[in-house]
Amino acid sequence: MTSLQPNGPMALETGPFLLAGHSYGGVVISQAGNDPKVAGAGFLWRLMRQMRGQSGLSLAQANPTPVVSQIGPADAFGFLKLTRTGIFEDFAPELSDLEQRILLATQSPTSVNSLRGSLARRAGVEDQTKTGFIVAGHDRVISPQLEQSEAQQMNAITLTLPACHVVMLEKSVPGRGFY
């Protein structure tokens, strides 16, 4: 993904569906959530653009976390990846060594342009549907205080867990049946 412009996969859906997004994916589903077929949304540490024109990068810079120093330089095409230290100590510190090495080897690069992009309009999914939000209390990628603030602004059903950024990969974290 290189921008926040809708790319049309939802047009293939014929009935109501749920959106789920983790981290930056939450921004993407927020933009997509204005589709009338969206029945609900679930967010795991969403970077919500609280005001028109705000980018994910500006929110991250205003709410710094340790991972910021572990982002490698952009490649020739403008994509970023986390360093080994960034994956092991900040992104997924509570996973096993094997799981961390798999994440390091398979991570998808992130476009600088998509991080700098801002939503053209305020996301509407949280206004139109039932919204759940999981706050990761041990997150070193997105500030847990920012996560909590965004959940409150959304009036979301919120669950705070003692987890790292990738809680969906942690085995010891409760939360099944939430939402």
N, C-alpha and C. Protein backbone atom coordinates (compact mmCIF):
# COMPACT_ATOMS: atom_id res chain seq x y z
N MET A 1 0.84 -1.17 0.00
CA MET A 1 0.00 0.00 0.00
C MET A 1 0.89 1.24 0.00
N THR A 2 0.57 2.16 -0.88
CA THR A 2 1.37 3.37 -0.97
C THR A 2 0.56 4.64 -0.73
N SER A 3 -0.74 4.52 -0.52
CA SER A 3 -1.56 5.70 -0.24
C SER A 3 -2.78 5.28 0.55
N LEU A 4 -3.59 6.26 0.92
CA LEU A 4 -4.82 5.99 1.66
C LEU A 4 -6.04 6.02 0.75
N GLN A 5 -5.84 6.09 -0.53
CA GLN A 5 -6.97 6.13 -1.45
C GLN A 5 -7.64 4.76 -1.50
N PRO A 6 -8.98 4.73 -1.47
CA PRO A 6 -9.68 3.44 -1.53
C PRO A 6 -9.27 2.69 -2.80
N ASN A 7 -9.06 1.38 -2.66
CA ASN A 7 -8.63 0.61 -3.82
C ASN A 7 -9.68 -0.39 -4.30
N GLY A 8 -10.86 -0.36 -3.75
CA GLY A 8 -11.97 -1.08 -4.31
C GLY A 8 -12.28 -2.50 -3.92
N PRO A 9 -11.54 -3.18 -3.03
CA PRO A 9 -11.88 -4.57 -2.74
C PRO A 9 -13.28 -4.72 -2.15
N MET A 10 -13.74 -3.72 -1.43
CA MET A 10 -15.06 -3.83 -0.81
C MET A 10 -16.18 -3.84 -1.85
N ALA A 11 -15.91 -3.32 -3.02
CA ALA A 11 -16.93 -3.32 -4.07
C ALA A 11 -17.30 -4.74 -4.47
N LEU A 12 -16.43 -5.69 -4.20
CA LEU A 12 -16.70 -7.08 -4.54
C LEU A 12 -17.64 -7.75 -3.54
N GLU A 13 -17.81 -7.15 -2.36
CA GLU A 13 -18.68 -7.70 -1.33
C GLU A 13 -20.14 -7.38 -1.65
N THR A 14 -21.01 -8.37 -1.43
CA THR A 14 -22.42 -8.16 -1.76
C THR A 14 -23.30 -7.92 -0.54
N GLY A 15 -22.79 -8.16 0.64
CA GLY A 15 -23.60 -7.98 1.84
C GLY A 15 -22.81 -7.33 2.94
N PRO A 16 -23.42 -7.21 4.13
CA PRO A 16 -22.73 -6.58 5.26
C PRO A 16 -21.47 -7.36 5.65
N PHE A 17 -20.45 -6.64 6.10
CA PHE A 17 -19.22 -7.28 6.55
C PHE A 17 -18.57 -6.45 7.65
N LEU A 18 -17.64 -7.09 8.36
CA LEU A 18 -16.89 -6.44 9.43
C LEU A 18 -15.50 -6.09 8.94
N LEU A 19 -15.00 -4.99 9.44
CA LEU A 19 -13.62 -4.60 9.15
C LEU A 19 -12.78 -4.80 10.41
N ALA A 20 -11.56 -5.22 10.24
CA ALA A 20 -10.63 -5.33 11.37
C ALA A 20 -9.29 -4.80 10.92
N GLY A 21 -8.65 -4.04 11.79
CA GLY A 21 -7.35 -3.48 11.43
C GLY A 21 -6.44 -3.41 12.62
N HIS A 22 -5.18 -3.65 12.38
CA HIS A 22 -4.16 -3.59 13.42
C HIS A 22 -3.20 -2.46 13.08
N SER A 23 -2.93 -1.60 14.05
CA SER A 23 -1.95 -0.54 13.91
C SER A 23 -2.31 0.36 12.73
N TYR A 24 -1.41 0.48 11.76
CA TYR A 24 -1.68 1.35 10.63
C TYR A 24 -2.87 0.86 9.81
N GLY A 25 -3.14 -0.43 9.85
CA GLY A 25 -4.31 -0.97 9.16
C GLY A 25 -5.61 -0.37 9.67
N GLY A 26 -5.59 0.11 10.92
CA GLY A 26 -6.76 0.79 11.46
C GLY A 26 -7.08 2.08 10.73
N VAL A 27 -6.05 2.76 10.26
CA VAL A 27 -6.27 3.97 9.47
C VAL A 27 -6.95 3.58 8.16
N VAL A 28 -6.48 2.52 7.57
CA VAL A 28 -7.02 2.07 6.29
C VAL A 28 -8.50 1.70 6.45
N ILE A 29 -8.84 0.94 7.49
CA ILE A 29 -10.25 0.55 7.63
C ILE A 29 -11.11 1.73 8.04
N SER A 30 -10.53 2.73 8.68
CA SER A 30 -11.31 3.93 8.99
C SER A 30 -11.73 4.63 7.72
N GLN A 31 -10.82 4.74 6.79
CA GLN A 31 -11.12 5.39 5.52
C GLN A 31 -12.15 4.56 4.77
N ALA A 32 -12.03 3.24 4.83
CA ALA A 32 -12.95 2.36 4.12
C ALA A 32 -14.29 2.23 4.81
N GLY A 33 -14.34 2.57 6.09
CA GLY A 33 -15.54 2.34 6.89
C GLY A 33 -16.74 3.16 6.54
N ASN A 34 -16.63 4.08 5.62
CA ASN A 34 -17.78 4.86 5.20
C ASN A 34 -18.66 4.10 4.22
N ASP A 35 -18.24 2.94 3.80
CA ASP A 35 -19.03 2.11 2.89
C ASP A 35 -20.29 1.66 3.62
N PRO A 36 -21.47 1.80 3.03
CA PRO A 36 -22.72 1.43 3.71
C PRO A 36 -22.84 -0.05 4.07
N LYS A 37 -22.02 -0.92 3.49
CA LYS A 37 -22.08 -2.35 3.79
C LYS A 37 -21.31 -2.72 5.05
N VAL A 38 -20.56 -1.76 5.61
CA VAL A 38 -19.76 -2.05 6.81
C VAL A 38 -20.69 -2.15 8.01
N ALA A 39 -20.67 -3.31 8.67
CA ALA A 39 -21.55 -3.55 9.81
C ALA A 39 -20.87 -3.28 11.15
N GLY A 40 -19.56 -3.22 11.16
CA GLY A 40 -18.83 -2.98 12.41
C GLY A 40 -17.35 -2.98 12.15
N ALA A 41 -16.61 -2.56 13.18
CA ALA A 41 -15.16 -2.49 13.03
C ALA A 41 -14.48 -2.84 14.34
N GLY A 42 -13.33 -3.46 14.23
CA GLY A 42 -12.51 -3.77 15.39
C GLY A 42 -11.12 -3.23 15.18
N PHE A 43 -10.59 -2.56 16.19
CA PHE A 43 -9.29 -1.94 16.06
C PHE A 43 -8.33 -2.48 17.10
N LEU A 44 -7.14 -2.81 16.67
CA LEU A 44 -6.06 -3.15 17.58
C LEU A 44 -5.02 -2.06 17.40
N TRP A 45 -4.97 -1.15 18.30
CA TRP A 45 -4.00 -0.06 18.28
C TRP A 45 -4.05 0.75 17.02
N ARG A 46 -5.16 1.33 16.78
CA ARG A 46 -5.35 2.09 15.56
C ARG A 46 -4.69 3.46 15.66
N LEU A 47 -4.03 3.85 14.62
CA LEU A 47 -3.57 5.22 14.49
C LEU A 47 -4.71 5.99 13.84
N MET A 48 -5.57 6.57 14.64
CA MET A 48 -6.72 7.29 14.11
C MET A 48 -6.34 8.74 13.88
N ARG A 49 -6.65 9.26 12.75
CA ARG A 49 -6.40 10.65 12.48
C ARG A 49 -7.53 11.44 13.11
N GLN A 50 -7.26 12.03 14.27
CA GLN A 50 -8.31 12.66 15.05
C GLN A 50 -8.81 13.95 14.43
N MET A 51 -7.99 14.57 13.65
CA MET A 51 -8.40 15.81 13.00
C MET A 51 -8.07 15.71 11.52
N ARG A 52 -8.88 16.37 10.71
CA ARG A 52 -8.64 16.38 9.27
C ARG A 52 -7.22 16.88 8.99
N GLY A 53 -6.55 16.23 8.07
CA GLY A 53 -5.22 16.65 7.69
C GLY A 53 -4.09 16.09 8.54
N GLN A 54 -4.40 15.33 9.55
CA GLN A 54 -3.36 14.78 10.43
C GLN A 54 -2.87 13.45 9.85
N SER A 55 -1.57 13.24 9.89
CA SER A 55 -1.01 12.00 9.37
C SER A 55 -0.62 11.05 10.50
N GLY A 56 -0.46 9.78 10.14
CA GLY A 56 0.02 8.80 11.11
C GLY A 56 1.40 9.17 11.61
N LEU A 57 2.22 9.70 10.72
CA LEU A 57 3.57 10.10 11.10
C LEU A 57 3.54 11.25 12.11
N SER A 58 2.66 12.22 11.91
CA SER A 58 2.60 13.35 12.85
C SER A 58 2.10 12.90 14.22
N LEU A 59 1.16 11.95 14.26
CA LEU A 59 0.71 11.41 15.55
C LEU A 59 1.83 10.66 16.25
N ALA A 60 2.58 9.87 15.50
CA ALA A 60 3.69 9.12 16.09
C ALA A 60 4.78 10.06 16.61
N GLN A 61 5.04 11.12 15.88
CA GLN A 61 6.06 12.08 16.31
C GLN A 61 5.61 12.85 17.55
N ALA A 62 4.32 13.12 17.66
CA ALA A 62 3.80 13.85 18.83
C ALA A 62 3.70 12.94 20.06
N ASN A 63 3.72 11.62 19.86
CA ASN A 63 3.60 10.64 20.94
C ASN A 63 4.71 9.60 20.77
N PRO A 64 5.96 10.01 20.94
CA PRO A 64 7.09 9.13 20.62
C PRO A 64 7.15 7.88 21.50
N THR A 65 7.64 6.82 20.91
CA THR A 65 7.87 5.55 21.59
C THR A 65 9.27 5.07 21.22
N PRO A 66 9.79 4.07 21.92
CA PRO A 66 11.16 3.60 21.65
C PRO A 66 11.41 3.11 20.23
N VAL A 67 10.39 2.63 19.53
CA VAL A 67 10.61 2.06 18.20
C VAL A 67 11.08 3.09 17.18
N VAL A 68 10.80 4.36 17.42
CA VAL A 68 11.16 5.40 16.46
C VAL A 68 12.64 5.36 16.09
N SER A 69 13.48 5.09 17.06
CA SER A 69 14.92 5.05 16.79
C SER A 69 15.34 3.74 16.09
N GLN A 70 14.40 2.83 15.90
CA GLN A 70 14.72 1.53 15.30
C GLN A 70 14.11 1.35 13.91
N ILE A 71 13.80 2.46 13.26
CA ILE A 71 13.30 2.40 11.89
C ILE A 71 14.49 2.63 10.97
N GLY A 72 14.71 1.69 10.08
CA GLY A 72 15.83 1.81 9.15
C GLY A 72 15.58 2.92 8.15
N PRO A 73 16.63 3.31 7.42
CA PRO A 73 16.47 4.37 6.42
C PRO A 73 15.57 3.89 5.27
N ALA A 74 14.92 4.85 4.64
CA ALA A 74 14.06 4.51 3.49
C ALA A 74 14.91 3.94 2.36
N ASP A 75 14.36 2.97 1.66
CA ASP A 75 15.08 2.42 0.51
C ASP A 75 14.88 3.35 -0.70
N ALA A 76 15.38 2.96 -1.85
CA ALA A 76 15.32 3.80 -3.05
C ALA A 76 13.89 4.08 -3.50
N PHE A 77 12.93 3.27 -3.04
CA PHE A 77 11.54 3.45 -3.44
C PHE A 77 10.69 4.12 -2.37
N GLY A 78 11.33 4.53 -1.25
CA GLY A 78 10.61 5.23 -0.20
C GLY A 78 9.91 4.32 0.80
N PHE A 79 10.44 3.11 1.01
CA PHE A 79 9.86 2.17 1.96
C PHE A 79 10.77 1.98 3.16
N LEU A 80 10.17 1.77 4.32
CA LEU A 80 10.89 1.61 5.59
C LEU A 80 10.68 0.22 6.16
N LYS A 81 11.66 -0.24 6.93
CA LYS A 81 11.54 -1.48 7.70
C LYS A 81 12.13 -1.25 9.08
N LEU A 82 11.68 -2.04 10.03
CA LEU A 82 12.26 -2.00 11.37
C LEU A 82 13.58 -2.76 11.39
N THR A 83 14.48 -2.31 12.24
CA THR A 83 15.75 -3.02 12.44
C THR A 83 15.48 -4.29 13.26
N ARG A 84 16.50 -5.13 13.36
CA ARG A 84 16.40 -6.33 14.19
C ARG A 84 16.06 -5.94 15.64
N THR A 85 16.74 -4.93 16.16
CA THR A 85 16.46 -4.47 17.52
C THR A 85 15.02 -3.97 17.64
N GLY A 86 14.55 -3.28 16.62
CA GLY A 86 13.18 -2.78 16.63
C GLY A 86 12.16 -3.91 16.73
N ILE A 87 12.38 -4.99 16.00
CA ILE A 87 11.47 -6.15 16.06
C ILE A 87 11.58 -6.84 17.41
N PHE A 88 12.82 -7.14 17.84
CA PHE A 88 13.03 -7.94 19.04
C PHE A 88 12.71 -7.20 20.34
N GLU A 89 13.01 -5.90 20.41
CA GLU A 89 12.84 -5.17 21.68
C GLU A 89 11.58 -4.30 21.73
N ASP A 90 11.07 -3.89 20.58
CA ASP A 90 9.95 -2.95 20.59
C ASP A 90 8.67 -3.49 19.96
N PHE A 91 8.76 -4.06 18.77
CA PHE A 91 7.58 -4.52 18.04
C PHE A 91 7.00 -5.79 18.65
N ALA A 92 7.85 -6.74 18.98
CA ALA A 92 7.36 -8.04 19.46
C ALA A 92 8.21 -8.61 20.59
N PRO A 93 8.48 -7.84 21.65
CA PRO A 93 9.38 -8.31 22.70
C PRO A 93 8.85 -9.50 23.50
N GLU A 94 7.55 -9.73 23.47
CA GLU A 94 6.97 -10.80 24.28
C GLU A 94 6.77 -12.10 23.50
N LEU A 95 7.25 -12.14 22.26
CA LEU A 95 7.15 -13.36 21.47
C LEU A 95 8.44 -14.17 21.61
N SER A 96 8.39 -15.42 21.18
CA SER A 96 9.57 -16.28 21.26
C SER A 96 10.62 -15.80 20.25
N ASP A 97 11.85 -16.26 20.45
CA ASP A 97 12.93 -15.91 19.55
C ASP A 97 12.60 -16.34 18.12
N LEU A 98 12.06 -17.53 17.95
CA LEU A 98 11.69 -18.02 16.63
C LEU A 98 10.64 -17.11 15.99
N GLU A 99 9.61 -16.76 16.75
CA GLU A 99 8.56 -15.89 16.21
C GLU A 99 9.12 -14.51 15.83
N GLN A 100 10.03 -13.99 16.64
CA GLN A 100 10.65 -12.71 16.32
C GLN A 100 11.47 -12.80 15.04
N ARG A 101 12.21 -13.88 14.88
CA ARG A 101 13.03 -14.05 13.67
C ARG A 101 12.14 -14.18 12.43
N ILE A 102 11.00 -14.84 12.58
CA ILE A 102 10.05 -14.95 11.45
C ILE A 102 9.50 -13.58 11.09
N LEU A 103 9.13 -12.79 12.11
CA LEU A 103 8.64 -11.43 11.84
C LEU A 103 9.71 -10.59 11.15
N LEU A 104 10.94 -10.68 11.60
CA LEU A 104 12.03 -9.93 11.00
C LEU A 104 12.20 -10.30 9.52
N ALA A 105 12.15 -11.59 9.23
CA ALA A 105 12.37 -12.07 7.87
C ALA A 105 11.20 -11.77 6.94
N THR A 106 10.00 -11.66 7.48
CA THR A 106 8.81 -11.53 6.62
C THR A 106 8.14 -10.17 6.70
N GLN A 107 8.72 -9.22 7.44
CA GLN A 107 8.03 -7.94 7.58
C GLN A 107 7.84 -7.25 6.24
N SER A 108 6.68 -6.65 6.08
CA SER A 108 6.39 -5.87 4.87
C SER A 108 6.88 -4.46 5.08
N PRO A 109 7.51 -3.89 4.08
CA PRO A 109 7.95 -2.51 4.24
C PRO A 109 6.76 -1.56 4.26
N THR A 110 6.95 -0.42 4.89
CA THR A 110 5.90 0.60 5.00
C THR A 110 6.30 1.80 4.15
N SER A 111 5.37 2.29 3.38
CA SER A 111 5.62 3.43 2.52
C SER A 111 5.68 4.73 3.32
N VAL A 112 6.74 5.49 3.12
CA VAL A 112 6.85 6.80 3.76
C VAL A 112 5.66 7.67 3.32
N ASN A 113 5.27 7.57 2.06
CA ASN A 113 4.15 8.38 1.56
C ASN A 113 2.85 8.05 2.27
N SER A 114 2.62 6.77 2.56
CA SER A 114 1.37 6.43 3.24
C SER A 114 1.38 6.92 4.69
N LEU A 115 2.55 6.93 5.33
CA LEU A 115 2.63 7.45 6.70
C LEU A 115 2.44 8.96 6.74
N ARG A 116 2.87 9.63 5.70
CA ARG A 116 2.72 11.09 5.63
C ARG A 116 1.34 11.51 5.15
N GLY A 117 0.61 10.59 4.53
CA GLY A 117 -0.70 10.92 3.98
C GLY A 117 -1.71 11.19 5.08
N SER A 118 -2.65 12.06 4.79
CA SER A 118 -3.69 12.36 5.76
C SER A 118 -5.04 12.00 5.17
N LEU A 119 -5.98 11.74 6.05
CA LEU A 119 -7.31 11.41 5.58
C LEU A 119 -7.99 12.65 5.03
N ALA A 120 -8.67 12.49 3.93
CA ALA A 120 -9.36 13.62 3.30
C ALA A 120 -10.55 14.06 4.14
N ARG A 121 -11.14 13.13 4.86
CA ARG A 121 -12.28 13.45 5.71
C ARG A 121 -12.15 12.66 6.99
N ARG A 122 -12.87 13.06 8.02
CA ARG A 122 -12.83 12.32 9.28
C ARG A 122 -13.43 10.94 9.03
N ALA A 123 -12.77 9.94 9.52
CA ALA A 123 -13.26 8.58 9.35
C ALA A 123 -14.64 8.46 9.97
N GLY A 124 -15.52 7.72 9.33
CA GLY A 124 -16.88 7.62 9.80
C GLY A 124 -17.28 6.28 10.38
N VAL A 125 -16.43 5.28 10.25
CA VAL A 125 -16.82 3.95 10.68
C VAL A 125 -17.18 3.91 12.15
N GLU A 126 -16.45 4.64 12.99
CA GLU A 126 -16.73 4.59 14.42
C GLU A 126 -17.99 5.35 14.79
N ASP A 127 -18.48 6.20 13.91
CA ASP A 127 -19.73 6.91 14.17
C ASP A 127 -20.94 6.09 13.76
N GLN A 128 -20.75 5.19 12.81
CA GLN A 128 -21.87 4.49 12.20
C GLN A 128 -22.07 3.07 12.70
N THR A 129 -21.09 2.51 13.39
CA THR A 129 -21.13 1.10 13.73
C THR A 129 -20.66 0.87 15.15
N LYS A 130 -20.91 -0.33 15.63
CA LYS A 130 -20.35 -0.77 16.92
C LYS A 130 -18.84 -0.93 16.72
N THR A 131 -18.07 -0.34 17.62
CA THR A 131 -16.62 -0.34 17.45
C THR A 131 -15.94 -0.88 18.70
N GLY A 132 -15.02 -1.80 18.51
CA GLY A 132 -14.20 -2.33 19.59
C GLY A 132 -12.77 -1.88 19.42
N PHE A 133 -12.07 -1.72 20.54
CA PHE A 133 -10.69 -1.23 20.48
C PHE A 133 -9.88 -1.95 21.56
N ILE A 134 -8.79 -2.58 21.18
CA ILE A 134 -7.90 -3.21 22.15
C ILE A 134 -6.69 -2.32 22.34
N VAL A 135 -6.43 -1.94 23.57
CA VAL A 135 -5.26 -1.13 23.93
C VAL A 135 -4.18 -2.08 24.44
N ALA A 136 -2.99 -1.96 23.88
CA ALA A 136 -1.86 -2.79 24.32
C ALA A 136 -1.07 -2.03 25.38
N GLY A 137 -1.18 -2.46 26.60
CA GLY A 137 -0.56 -1.77 27.71
C GLY A 137 0.96 -1.73 27.68
N HIS A 138 1.59 -2.69 26.98
CA HIS A 138 3.06 -2.75 26.90
C HIS A 138 3.57 -2.35 25.53
N ASP A 139 2.75 -1.67 24.77
CA ASP A 139 3.12 -1.30 23.40
C ASP A 139 4.29 -0.32 23.39
N ARG A 140 5.30 -0.63 22.58
CA ARG A 140 6.46 0.25 22.43
C ARG A 140 6.53 0.79 20.99
N VAL A 141 5.43 0.60 20.24
CA VAL A 141 5.33 1.12 18.88
C VAL A 141 4.38 2.31 18.85
N ILE A 142 3.19 2.13 19.40
CA ILE A 142 2.21 3.21 19.53
C ILE A 142 1.98 3.42 21.02
N SER A 143 2.04 4.64 21.44
CA SER A 143 1.88 4.97 22.85
C SER A 143 0.54 4.44 23.40
N PRO A 144 0.57 3.65 24.48
CA PRO A 144 -0.69 3.19 25.08
C PRO A 144 -1.60 4.35 25.48
N GLN A 145 -1.03 5.49 25.85
CA GLN A 145 -1.84 6.65 26.19
C GLN A 145 -2.56 7.18 24.96
N LEU A 146 -1.89 7.17 23.82
CA LEU A 146 -2.53 7.58 22.57
C LEU A 146 -3.63 6.60 22.19
N GLU A 147 -3.35 5.32 22.35
CA GLU A 147 -4.37 4.30 22.05
C GLU A 147 -5.62 4.52 22.90
N GLN A 148 -5.42 4.74 24.20
CA GLN A 148 -6.55 4.95 25.12
C GLN A 148 -7.33 6.21 24.74
N SER A 149 -6.62 7.27 24.39
CA SER A 149 -7.26 8.52 23.99
C SER A 149 -8.11 8.32 22.75
N GLU A 150 -7.58 7.60 21.78
CA GLU A 150 -8.32 7.37 20.55
C GLU A 150 -9.55 6.50 20.79
N ALA A 151 -9.41 5.48 21.64
CA ALA A 151 -10.56 4.64 21.97
C ALA A 151 -11.67 5.46 22.62
N GLN A 152 -11.29 6.34 23.53
CA GLN A 152 -12.27 7.19 24.19
C GLN A 152 -12.95 8.12 23.20
N GLN A 153 -12.18 8.72 22.29
CA GLN A 153 -12.77 9.61 21.29
C GLN A 153 -13.75 8.89 20.38
N MET A 154 -13.55 7.60 20.21
CA MET A 154 -14.43 6.80 19.36
C MET A 154 -15.63 6.26 20.12
N ASN A 155 -15.65 6.43 21.44
CA ASN A 155 -16.67 5.80 22.27
C ASN A 155 -16.69 4.29 22.02
N ALA A 156 -15.52 3.72 21.89
CA ALA A 156 -15.38 2.30 21.58
C ALA A 156 -15.50 1.44 22.83
N ILE A 157 -15.96 0.23 22.64
CA ILE A 157 -15.88 -0.79 23.68
C ILE A 157 -14.39 -1.10 23.77
N THR A 158 -13.79 -0.90 24.93
CA THR A 158 -12.33 -0.96 25.04
C THR A 158 -11.88 -2.05 25.99
N LEU A 159 -10.86 -2.76 25.58
CA LEU A 159 -10.22 -3.77 26.41
C LEU A 159 -8.73 -3.45 26.45
N THR A 160 -8.18 -3.24 27.65
CA THR A 160 -6.76 -3.00 27.80
C THR A 160 -6.09 -4.28 28.27
N LEU A 161 -5.06 -4.70 27.54
CA LEU A 161 -4.37 -5.95 27.84
C LEU A 161 -2.89 -5.70 28.12
N PRO A 162 -2.29 -6.51 28.99
CA PRO A 162 -0.85 -6.39 29.25
C PRO A 162 -0.08 -7.07 28.12
N ALA A 163 0.01 -6.39 26.98
CA ALA A 163 0.53 -7.02 25.79
C ALA A 163 1.40 -6.06 24.98
N CYS A 164 2.21 -6.64 24.10
CA CYS A 164 3.04 -5.84 23.20
C CYS A 164 2.22 -5.45 21.97
N HIS A 165 2.85 -4.86 21.00
CA HIS A 165 2.17 -4.34 19.82
C HIS A 165 1.44 -5.43 19.03
N VAL A 166 1.94 -6.65 19.04
CA VAL A 166 1.33 -7.72 18.26
C VAL A 166 0.59 -8.70 19.16
N VAL A 167 -0.35 -8.19 19.92
CA VAL A 167 -1.10 -9.00 20.89
C VAL A 167 -1.77 -10.21 20.23
N MET A 168 -2.17 -10.09 18.98
CA MET A 168 -2.84 -11.20 18.32
C MET A 168 -1.93 -12.40 18.14
N LEU A 169 -0.62 -12.20 18.31
CA LEU A 169 0.33 -13.30 18.21
C LEU A 169 0.74 -13.86 19.56
N GLU A 170 0.39 -13.15 20.63
CA GLU A 170 0.74 -13.62 21.97
C GLU A 170 -0.21 -14.72 22.40
N LYS A 171 0.33 -15.74 23.03
CA LYS A 171 -0.48 -16.88 23.44
C LYS A 171 -1.06 -16.75 24.84
N SER A 172 -0.44 -15.94 25.68
CA SER A 172 -0.85 -15.88 27.08
C SER A 172 -1.79 -14.72 27.40
N VAL A 173 -2.23 -14.00 26.39
CA VAL A 173 -3.06 -12.83 26.62
C VAL A 173 -4.53 -13.19 26.51
N PRO A 174 -5.34 -12.85 27.52
CA PRO A 174 -6.78 -13.11 27.44
C PRO A 174 -7.44 -12.16 26.45
N GLY A 175 -8.68 -12.39 26.16
CA GLY A 175 -9.40 -11.47 25.29
C GLY A 175 -10.34 -12.17 24.35
N ARG A 176 -10.33 -13.48 24.35
CA ARG A 176 -11.25 -14.20 23.49
C ARG A 176 -12.67 -13.86 23.90
N GLY A 177 -13.53 -13.66 22.92
CA GLY A 177 -14.91 -13.33 23.20
C GLY A 177 -15.16 -11.84 23.37
N PHE A 178 -14.09 -11.03 23.31
CA PHE A 178 -14.26 -9.58 23.40
C PHE A 178 -14.99 -9.10 22.19
N TYR A 179 -15.96 -8.18 22.41
CA TYR A 179 -16.71 -7.52 21.35
C TYR A 179 -17.96 -8.22 21.11
